[in-house]
Amino acid sequence: RVFFTTPKGRPVKLSGSGTEKLNFINVTENKNNNTVNVEVFMILKFGTSISWFTKEYARRLRIESEEITGITVDEVIINITGIRSKRTAKRELRILC
């Protein structure tokens, strides 16, 4: 299970209104080759395989983004800000996929 967070690791509620719910993702444009880079912040549930999850999430994000927008995703950067078990342990893992 995944919980999206702000860059500082604060969980974000995806329902409701407000600008904070968009803080879990950053998209930057590469003007020279007409692609984008996507950076995502999240907490993973304890026991989740980080290697498998990040590869699969990046693959799906690339496919769905290109289908919806027609823009190619060059890099996906997944920032794991914590691991959740009975309580959340802060982590700062940055994975480039």
Protein backbone atom coordinates (compact mmCIF):
# COMPACT_ATOMS: atom_id res chain seq x y z
CA ARG A 1 0.00 0.00 0.00
CA VAL A 2 1.19 3.51 -0.83
CA PHE A 3 0.59 6.83 0.93
CA PHE A 4 1.52 9.93 -1.03
CA THR A 5 3.35 12.65 0.91
CA THR A 6 4.70 16.15 0.61
CA PRO A 7 8.46 16.46 -0.01
CA LYS A 8 8.87 16.75 3.77
CA GLY A 9 7.10 13.42 4.36
CA ARG A 10 3.72 14.71 5.52
CA PRO A 11 0.88 12.45 4.26
CA VAL A 12 -1.41 14.01 1.63
CA LYS A 13 -5.14 13.33 1.43
CA LEU A 14 -6.13 12.95 -2.20
CA SER A 15 -9.80 13.65 -1.54
CA GLY A 16 -11.27 17.05 -0.76
CA SER A 17 -10.05 20.43 -1.90
CA GLY A 18 -6.91 22.46 -1.42
CA THR A 19 -3.58 22.86 -3.13
CA GLU A 20 -1.66 20.60 -0.73
CA LYS A 21 -3.03 17.48 -2.38
CA LEU A 22 -0.94 18.24 -5.49
CA ASN A 23 2.33 18.55 -3.56
CA PHE A 24 3.18 14.84 -3.88
CA ILE A 25 4.23 15.12 -7.53
CA ASN A 26 6.58 17.42 -9.46
CA VAL A 27 6.70 17.49 -13.25
CA THR A 28 9.52 19.30 -15.07
CA GLU A 29 9.79 19.80 -18.81
CA ASN A 30 12.86 18.98 -20.92
CA LYS A 31 12.59 21.54 -23.67
CA ASN A 32 15.44 20.19 -25.78
CA ASN A 33 13.87 16.74 -26.37
CA ASN A 34 10.16 17.41 -25.65
CA THR A 35 9.89 15.04 -22.69
CA VAL A 36 9.13 15.44 -18.98
CA ASN A 37 10.64 14.23 -15.72
CA VAL A 38 8.29 13.16 -12.94
CA GLU A 39 9.19 13.17 -9.24
CA VAL A 40 6.87 11.50 -6.72
CA PHE A 41 6.94 11.45 -2.90
CA MET A 42 5.46 8.53 -0.92
CA ILE A 43 5.44 6.32 2.15
CA LEU A 44 5.42 2.55 1.59
CA LYS A 45 3.90 -0.10 3.81
CA PHE A 46 6.44 -2.23 5.70
CA GLY A 47 7.21 -5.43 3.79
CA THR A 48 6.79 -3.90 0.32
CA SER A 49 9.64 -4.80 -2.01
CA ILE A 50 11.16 -1.40 -2.82
CA SER A 51 12.98 -2.69 -5.89
CA TRP A 52 9.92 -4.38 -7.44
CA PHE A 53 7.51 -1.60 -6.48
CA THR A 54 9.61 1.26 -7.86
CA LYS A 55 10.26 -0.49 -11.19
CA GLU A 56 6.59 -1.40 -11.62
CA TYR A 57 5.31 2.03 -10.52
CA ALA A 58 7.71 3.83 -12.90
CA ARG A 59 6.71 1.53 -15.78
CA ARG A 60 2.98 2.11 -15.22
CA LEU A 61 3.45 5.86 -14.73
CA ARG A 62 5.32 6.13 -18.04
CA ILE A 63 2.73 4.10 -19.97
CA GLU A 64 -0.35 5.83 -18.54
CA SER A 65 1.13 9.32 -18.79
CA GLU A 66 2.00 8.83 -22.45
CA GLU A 67 -1.43 7.36 -23.23
CA ILE A 68 -3.27 10.24 -21.55
CA THR A 69 -1.08 13.20 -22.55
CA GLY A 70 0.97 11.97 -25.51
CA ILE A 71 4.13 13.27 -23.83
CA THR A 72 7.04 10.90 -23.17
CA VAL A 73 8.26 10.58 -19.57
CA ASP A 74 12.06 10.56 -19.61
CA GLU A 75 12.85 10.01 -15.91
CA VAL A 76 10.77 8.92 -12.94
CA ILE A 77 12.23 9.81 -9.55
CA ILE A 78 10.54 8.09 -6.61
CA ASN A 79 11.27 9.57 -3.19
CA ILE A 80 10.38 7.22 -0.34
CA THR A 81 9.90 9.53 2.62
CA GLY A 82 9.01 6.80 5.11
CA ILE A 83 8.05 3.21 5.85
CA ARG A 84 4.73 2.63 7.60
CA SER A 85 4.21 -0.21 10.07
CA LYS A 86 2.54 0.36 13.45
CA ARG A 87 4.06 3.82 13.19
CA THR A 88 5.85 5.62 10.40
CA ALA A 89 9.65 5.50 10.30
CA LYS A 90 11.16 8.44 8.42
CA ARG A 91 13.37 7.57 5.48
CA GLU A 92 14.97 9.54 2.70
CA LEU A 93 15.40 7.17 -0.24
CA ARG A 94 15.59 8.62 -3.74
CA ILE A 95 15.27 6.14 -6.59
CA LEU A 96 15.81 7.08 -10.23
CA CYS A 97 13.94 4.78 -12.63
